[in-house]
Amino acid sequence: MVTSIQISEGLQQELVKRKLFEKETYEEVLWGLVEDSQELSEQTIKEIESARAEIKAGKFHTLAEVKKELGL
């Protein structure tokens, strides 16, 4: 079901500022805001903790190292 809502000019201007690209719809902007406000899943939290542990243990490559390996 599609519906319309009334918003103030101020809110509309704020939504315009938050567009990532010109043709992005207000619905896409609003969904992005909703997703940003949701809590992280347990799986995501575990993956972040694992990544942080790997970085602490030195298990990573810098951008400079990767560029050198790729000959860039």
PDB file of N, CA and C in Angstrom:
ATOM      1  N   MET A   1       0.839  -1.174   0.000  1.00  0.00           N
ATOM      2  CA  MET A   1       0.000   0.000   0.000  1.00  0.00           C
ATOM      3  C   MET A   1       0.886   1.241   0.000  1.00  0.00           C
ATOM      4  N   VAL A   2       0.607   2.149  -0.862  1.00  0.00           N
ATOM      5  CA  VAL A   2       1.329   3.417  -0.934  1.00  0.00           C
ATOM      6  C   VAL A   2       0.482   4.480  -0.273  1.00  0.00           C
ATOM      7  N   THR A   3       1.133   5.343   0.483  1.00  0.00           N
ATOM      8  CA  THR A   3       0.420   6.417   1.151  1.00  0.00           C
ATOM      9  C   THR A   3       1.252   7.684   1.076  1.00  0.00           C
ATOM     10  N   SER A   4       0.665   8.788   1.363  1.00  0.00           N
ATOM     11  CA  SER A   4       1.418  10.041   1.406  1.00  0.00           C
ATOM     12  C   SER A   4       1.327  10.602   2.814  1.00  0.00           C
ATOM     13  N   ILE A   5       2.323  11.392   3.172  1.00  0.00           N
ATOM     14  CA  ILE A   5       2.330  12.017   4.493  1.00  0.00           C
ATOM     15  C   ILE A   5       2.647  13.495   4.324  1.00  0.00           C
ATOM     16  N   GLN A   6       2.260  14.276   5.296  1.00  0.00           N
ATOM     17  CA  GLN A   6       2.591  15.699   5.288  1.00  0.00           C
ATOM     18  C   GLN A   6       3.786  15.916   6.196  1.00  0.00           C
ATOM     19  N   ILE A   7       4.753  16.670   5.683  1.00  0.00           N
ATOM     20  CA  ILE A   7       5.917  17.029   6.493  1.00  0.00           C
ATOM     21  C   ILE A   7       6.148  18.527   6.354  1.00  0.00           C
ATOM     22  N   SER A   8       6.825  19.081   7.327  1.00  0.00           N
ATOM     23  CA  SER A   8       7.110  20.520   7.292  1.00  0.00           C
ATOM     24  C   SER A   8       8.193  20.802   6.247  1.00  0.00           C
ATOM     25  N   GLU A   9       8.287  22.053   5.837  1.00  0.00           N
ATOM     26  CA  GLU A   9       9.326  22.441   4.894  1.00  0.00           C
ATOM     27  C   GLU A   9      10.715  22.219   5.494  1.00  0.00           C
ATOM     28  N   GLY A  10      10.824  22.440   6.794  1.00  0.00           N
ATOM     29  CA  GLY A  10      12.110  22.225   7.471  1.00  0.00           C
ATOM     30  C   GLY A  10      12.558  20.779   7.387  1.00  0.00           C
ATOM     31  N   LEU A  11      11.619  19.847   7.632  1.00  0.00           N
ATOM     32  CA  LEU A  11      11.955  18.425   7.545  1.00  0.00           C
ATOM     33  C   LEU A  11      12.300  18.050   6.110  1.00  0.00           C
ATOM     34  N   GLN A  12      11.572  18.584   5.164  1.00  0.00           N
ATOM     35  CA  GLN A  12      11.852  18.276   3.765  1.00  0.00           C
ATOM     36  C   GLN A  12      13.261  18.750   3.397  1.00  0.00           C
ATOM     37  N   GLN A  13      13.637  19.927   3.850  1.00  0.00           N
ATOM     38  CA  GLN A  13      14.987  20.433   3.571  1.00  0.00           C
ATOM     39  C   GLN A  13      16.052  19.539   4.208  1.00  0.00           C
ATOM     40  N   GLU A  14      15.766  19.044   5.407  1.00  0.00           N
ATOM     41  CA  GLU A  14      16.708  18.144   6.081  1.00  0.00           C
ATOM     42  C   GLU A  14      16.843  16.835   5.303  1.00  0.00           C
ATOM     43  N   LEU A  15      15.736  16.314   4.806  1.00  0.00           N
ATOM     44  CA  LEU A  15      15.783  15.081   4.010  1.00  0.00           C
ATOM     45  C   LEU A  15      16.555  15.297   2.705  1.00  0.00           C
ATOM     46  N   VAL A  16      16.385  16.457   2.107  1.00  0.00           N
ATOM     47  CA  VAL A  16      17.131  16.778   0.882  1.00  0.00           C
ATOM     48  C   VAL A  16      18.632  16.756   1.169  1.00  0.00           C
ATOM     49  N   LYS A  17      19.050  17.314   2.305  1.00  0.00           N
ATOM     50  CA  LYS A  17      20.470  17.348   2.675  1.00  0.00           C
ATOM     51  C   LYS A  17      21.034  15.949   2.878  1.00  0.00           C
ATOM     52  N   ARG A  18      20.182  15.014   3.297  1.00  0.00           N
ATOM     53  CA  ARG A  18      20.643  13.669   3.610  1.00  0.00           C
ATOM     54  C   ARG A  18      20.671  12.728   2.407  1.00  0.00           C
ATOM     55  N   LYS A  19      20.211  13.199   1.272  1.00  0.00           N
ATOM     56  CA  LYS A  19      20.244  12.363   0.068  1.00  0.00           C
ATOM     57  C   LYS A  19      21.690  12.087  -0.312  1.00  0.00           C
ATOM     58  N   LEU A  20      21.977  10.832  -0.642  1.00  0.00           N
ATOM     59  CA  LEU A  20      23.315  10.457  -1.056  1.00  0.00           C
ATOM     60  C   LEU A  20      23.541  10.745  -2.534  1.00  0.00           C
ATOM     61  N   PHE A  21      22.466  10.739  -3.310  1.00  0.00           N
ATOM     62  CA  PHE A  21      22.540  11.077  -4.722  1.00  0.00           C
ATOM     63  C   PHE A  21      21.249  11.758  -5.119  1.00  0.00           C
ATOM     64  N   GLU A  22      21.288  12.532  -6.194  1.00  0.00           N
ATOM     65  CA  GLU A  22      20.185  13.411  -6.556  1.00  0.00           C
ATOM     66  C   GLU A  22      18.842  12.696  -6.717  1.00  0.00           C
ATOM     67  N   LYS A  23      18.843  11.519  -7.346  1.00  0.00           N
ATOM     68  CA  LYS A  23      17.580  10.843  -7.632  1.00  0.00           C
ATOM     69  C   LYS A  23      17.121   9.916  -6.498  1.00  0.00           C
ATOM     70  N   GLU A  24      17.808   9.936  -5.373  1.00  0.00           N
ATOM     71  CA  GLU A  24      17.400   9.120  -4.226  1.00  0.00           C
ATOM     72  C   GLU A  24      16.039   9.605  -3.742  1.00  0.00           C
ATOM     73  N   THR A  25      15.132   8.675  -3.475  1.00  0.00           N
ATOM     74  CA  THR A  25      13.789   9.045  -3.025  1.00  0.00           C
ATOM     75  C   THR A  25      13.792   9.328  -1.523  1.00  0.00           C
ATOM     76  N   TYR A  26      12.767  10.044  -1.087  1.00  0.00           N
ATOM     77  CA  TYR A  26      12.629  10.277   0.346  1.00  0.00           C
ATOM     78  C   TYR A  26      12.447   8.960   1.096  1.00  0.00           C
ATOM     79  N   GLU A  27      11.774   8.005   0.482  1.00  0.00           N
ATOM     80  CA  GLU A  27      11.609   6.702   1.133  1.00  0.00           C
ATOM     81  C   GLU A  27      12.967   6.051   1.371  1.00  0.00           C
ATOM     82  N   GLU A  28      13.856   6.121   0.398  1.00  0.00           N
ATOM     83  CA  GLU A  28      15.192   5.548   0.565  1.00  0.00           C
ATOM     84  C   GLU A  28      15.955   6.264   1.677  1.00  0.00           C
ATOM     85  N   VAL A  29      15.820   7.578   1.745  1.00  0.00           N
ATOM     86  CA  VAL A  29      16.478   8.348   2.805  1.00  0.00           C
ATOM     87  C   VAL A  29      15.934   7.911   4.166  1.00  0.00           C
ATOM     88  N   LEU A  30      14.614   7.801   4.265  1.00  0.00           N
ATOM     89  CA  LEU A  30      13.994   7.411   5.541  1.00  0.00           C
ATOM     90  C   LEU A  30      14.383   5.997   5.945  1.00  0.00           C
ATOM     91  N   TRP A  31      14.424   5.064   4.991  1.00  0.00           N
ATOM     92  CA  TRP A  31      14.848   3.692   5.318  1.00  0.00           C
ATOM     93  C   TRP A  31      16.287   3.689   5.834  1.00  0.00           C
ATOM     94  N   GLY A  32      17.137   4.510   5.239  1.00  0.00           N
ATOM     95  CA  GLY A  32      18.511   4.616   5.721  1.00  0.00           C
ATOM     96  C   GLY A  32      18.567   5.090   7.159  1.00  0.00           C
ATOM     97  N   LEU A  33      17.727   6.050   7.502  1.00  0.00           N
ATOM     98  CA  LEU A  33      17.678   6.541   8.880  1.00  0.00           C
ATOM     99  C   LEU A  33      17.163   5.473   9.835  1.00  0.00           C
ATOM    100  N   VAL A  34      16.159   4.717   9.398  1.00  0.00           N
ATOM    101  CA  VAL A  34      15.612   3.637  10.230  1.00  0.00           C
ATOM    102  C   VAL A  34      16.678   2.574  10.472  1.00  0.00           C
ATOM    103  N   GLU A  35      17.373   2.183   9.424  1.00  0.00           N
ATOM    104  CA  GLU A  35      18.418   1.159   9.566  1.00  0.00           C
ATOM    105  C   GLU A  35      19.525   1.628  10.490  1.00  0.00           C
ATOM    106  N   ASP A  36      19.893   2.909  10.387  1.00  0.00           N
ATOM    107  CA  ASP A  36      20.947   3.445  11.251  1.00  0.00           C
ATOM    108  C   ASP A  36      20.555   3.411  12.721  1.00  0.00           C
ATOM    109  N   SER A  37      19.269   3.479  13.003  1.00  0.00           N
ATOM    110  CA  SER A  37      18.829   3.549  14.390  1.00  0.00           C
ATOM    111  C   SER A  37      18.573   2.178  15.008  1.00  0.00           C
ATOM    112  N   GLN A  38      18.597   1.125  14.193  1.00  0.00           N
ATOM    113  CA  GLN A  38      18.332  -0.212  14.721  1.00  0.00           C
ATOM    114  C   GLN A  38      19.575  -0.756  15.419  1.00  0.00           C
ATOM    115  N   GLU A  39      19.342  -1.611  16.385  1.00  0.00           N
ATOM    116  CA  GLU A  39      20.444  -2.215  17.117  1.00  0.00           C
ATOM    117  C   GLU A  39      21.150  -3.256  16.260  1.00  0.00           C
ATOM    118  N   LEU A  40      22.433  -3.471  16.555  1.00  0.00           N
ATOM    119  CA  LEU A  40      23.191  -4.482  15.836  1.00  0.00           C
ATOM    120  C   LEU A  40      22.758  -5.876  16.282  1.00  0.00           C
ATOM    121  N   SER A  41      22.764  -6.820  15.360  1.00  0.00           N
ATOM    122  CA  SER A  41      22.416  -8.196  15.703  1.00  0.00           C
ATOM    123  C   SER A  41      23.551  -8.822  16.511  1.00  0.00           C
ATOM    124  N   GLU A  42      23.253  -9.897  17.194  1.00  0.00           N
ATOM    125  CA  GLU A  42      24.267 -10.609  17.978  1.00  0.00           C
ATOM    126  C   GLU A  42      25.412 -11.066  17.073  1.00  0.00           C
ATOM    127  N   GLN A  43      25.085 -11.568  15.883  1.00  0.00           N
ATOM    128  CA  GLN A  43      26.098 -12.025  14.938  1.00  0.00           C
ATOM    129  C   GLN A  43      27.024 -10.882  14.535  1.00  0.00           C
ATOM    130  N   THR A  44      26.454  -9.729  14.261  1.00  0.00           N
ATOM    131  CA  THR A  44      27.264  -8.570  13.861  1.00  0.00           C
ATOM    132  C   THR A  44      28.182  -8.147  14.998  1.00  0.00           C
ATOM    133  N   ILE A  45      27.680  -8.150  16.204  1.00  0.00           N
ATOM    134  CA  ILE A  45      28.493  -7.786  17.371  1.00  0.00           C
ATOM    135  C   ILE A  45      29.665  -8.749  17.514  1.00  0.00           C
ATOM    136  N   LYS A  46      29.408 -10.055  17.349  1.00  0.00           N
ATOM    137  CA  LYS A  46      30.483 -11.057  17.434  1.00  0.00           C
ATOM    138  C   LYS A  46      31.524 -10.847  16.343  1.00  0.00           C
ATOM    139  N   GLU A  47      31.070 -10.528  15.133  1.00  0.00           N
ATOM    140  CA  GLU A  47      32.001 -10.308  14.024  1.00  0.00           C
ATOM    141  C   GLU A  47      32.861  -9.072  14.257  1.00  0.00           C
ATOM    142  N   ILE A  48      32.282  -8.038  14.821  1.00  0.00           N
ATOM    143  CA  ILE A  48      33.044  -6.823  15.135  1.00  0.00           C
ATOM    144  C   ILE A  48      34.088  -7.124  16.202  1.00  0.00           C
ATOM    145  N   GLU A  49      33.700  -7.861  17.235  1.00  0.00           N
ATOM    146  CA  GLU A  49      34.642  -8.222  18.297  1.00  0.00           C
ATOM    147  C   GLU A  49      35.791  -9.071  17.742  1.00  0.00           C
ATOM    148  N   SER A  50      35.465  -9.997  16.841  1.00  0.00           N
ATOM    149  CA  SER A  50      36.479 -10.846  16.222  1.00  0.00           C
ATOM    150  C   SER A  50      37.446 -10.015  15.385  1.00  0.00           C
ATOM    151  N   ALA A  51      36.907  -9.079  14.613  1.00  0.00           N
ATOM    152  CA  ALA A  51      37.753  -8.217  13.780  1.00  0.00           C
ATOM    153  C   ALA A  51      38.674  -7.363  14.647  1.00  0.00           C
ATOM    154  N   ARG A  52      38.155  -6.849  15.732  1.00  0.00           N
ATOM    155  CA  ARG A  52      38.976  -6.033  16.634  1.00  0.00           C
ATOM    156  C   ARG A  52      40.105  -6.864  17.232  1.00  0.00           C
ATOM    157  N   ALA A  53      39.815  -8.108  17.587  1.00  0.00           N
ATOM    158  CA  ALA A  53      40.831  -8.996  18.153  1.00  0.00           C
ATOM    159  C   ALA A  53      41.927  -9.281  17.112  1.00  0.00           C
ATOM    160  N   GLU A  54      41.544  -9.494  15.865  1.00  0.00           N
ATOM    161  CA  GLU A  54      42.517  -9.744  14.803  1.00  0.00           C
ATOM    162  C   GLU A  54      43.419  -8.525  14.603  1.00  0.00           C
ATOM    163  N   ILE A  55      42.833  -7.348  14.639  1.00  0.00           N
ATOM    164  CA  ILE A  55      43.629  -6.128  14.477  1.00  0.00           C
ATOM    165  C   ILE A  55      44.606  -5.979  15.635  1.00  0.00           C
ATOM    166  N   LYS A  56      44.129  -6.231  16.860  1.00  0.00           N
ATOM    167  CA  LYS A  56      45.004  -6.151  18.036  1.00  0.00           C
ATOM    168  C   LYS A  56      46.157  -7.133  17.928  1.00  0.00           C
ATOM    169  N   ALA A  57      45.893  -8.306  17.339  1.00  0.00           N
ATOM    170  CA  ALA A  57      46.912  -9.346  17.196  1.00  0.00           C
ATOM    171  C   ALA A  57      47.832  -9.075  16.000  1.00  0.00           C
ATOM    172  N   GLY A  58      47.589  -7.999  15.290  1.00  0.00           N
ATOM    173  CA  GLY A  58      48.441  -7.654  14.162  1.00  0.00           C
ATOM    174  C   GLY A  58      48.116  -8.398  12.882  1.00  0.00           C
ATOM    175  N   LYS A  59      46.963  -9.027  12.834  1.00  0.00           N
ATOM    176  CA  LYS A  59      46.565  -9.808  11.656  1.00  0.00           C
ATOM    177  C   LYS A  59      45.826  -8.908  10.659  1.00  0.00           C
ATOM    178  N   PHE A  60      46.581  -8.013  10.025  1.00  0.00           N
ATOM    179  CA  PHE A  60      45.995  -7.126   9.033  1.00  0.00           C
ATOM    180  C   PHE A  60      47.092  -6.640   8.105  1.00  0.00           C
ATOM    181  N   HIS A  61      46.693  -6.051   6.984  1.00  0.00           N
ATOM    182  CA  HIS A  61      47.620  -5.468   6.034  1.00  0.00           C
ATOM    183  C   HIS A  61      47.243  -4.001   5.854  1.00  0.00           C
ATOM    184  N   THR A  62      48.249  -3.149   5.811  1.00  0.00           N
ATOM    185  CA  THR A  62      47.976  -1.736   5.571  1.00  0.00           C
ATOM    186  C   THR A  62      47.684  -1.525   4.093  1.00  0.00           C
ATOM    187  N   LEU A  63      47.092  -0.387   3.773  1.00  0.00           N
ATOM    188  CA  LEU A  63      46.813  -0.055   2.386  1.00  0.00           C
ATOM    189  C   LEU A  63      48.118   0.010   1.595  1.00  0.00           C
ATOM    190  N   ALA A  64      49.141   0.567   2.192  1.00  0.00           N
ATOM    191  CA  ALA A  64      50.438   0.664   1.517  1.00  0.00           C
ATOM    192  C   ALA A  64      50.992  -0.721   1.193  1.00  0.00           C
ATOM    193  N   GLU A  65      50.852  -1.666   2.121  1.00  0.00           N
ATOM    194  CA  GLU A  65      51.327  -3.043   1.878  1.00  0.00           C
ATOM    195  C   GLU A  65      50.559  -3.699   0.728  1.00  0.00           C
ATOM    196  N   VAL A  66      49.254  -3.513   0.712  1.00  0.00           N
ATOM    197  CA  VAL A  66      48.436  -4.111  -0.333  1.00  0.00           C
ATOM    198  C   VAL A  66      48.790  -3.506  -1.696  1.00  0.00           C
ATOM    199  N   LYS A  67      48.953  -2.189  -1.727  1.00  0.00           N
ATOM    200  CA  LYS A  67      49.332  -1.536  -2.986  1.00  0.00           C
ATOM    201  C   LYS A  67      50.672  -2.067  -3.490  1.00  0.00           C
ATOM    202  N   LYS A  68      51.611  -2.231  -2.567  1.00  0.00           N
ATOM    203  CA  LYS A  68      52.940  -2.732  -2.943  1.00  0.00           C
ATOM    204  C   LYS A  68      52.829  -4.153  -3.503  1.00  0.00           C
ATOM    205  N   GLU A  69      52.056  -5.003  -2.829  1.00  0.00           N
ATOM    206  CA  GLU A  69      51.875  -6.386  -3.287  1.00  0.00           C
ATOM    207  C   GLU A  69      51.230  -6.435  -4.663  1.00  0.00           C
ATOM    208  N   LEU A  70      50.327  -5.510  -4.936  1.00  0.00           N
ATOM    209  CA  LEU A  70      49.617  -5.493  -6.216  1.00  0.00           C
ATOM    210  C   LEU A  70      50.361  -4.683  -7.284  1.00  0.00           C
ATOM    211  N   GLY A  71      51.454  -4.061  -6.888  1.00  0.00           N
ATOM    212  CA  GLY A  71      52.243  -3.279  -7.824  1.00  0.00           C
ATOM    213  C   GLY A  71      51.559  -1.985  -8.239  1.00  0.00           C
ATOM    214  N   LEU A  72      50.822  -1.409  -7.323  1.00  0.00           N
ATOM    215  CA  LEU A  72      50.127  -0.143  -7.625  1.00  0.00           C
ATOM    216  C   LEU A  72      50.890   1.059  -7.119  1.00  0.00           C
TER     217      LEU A  72
END
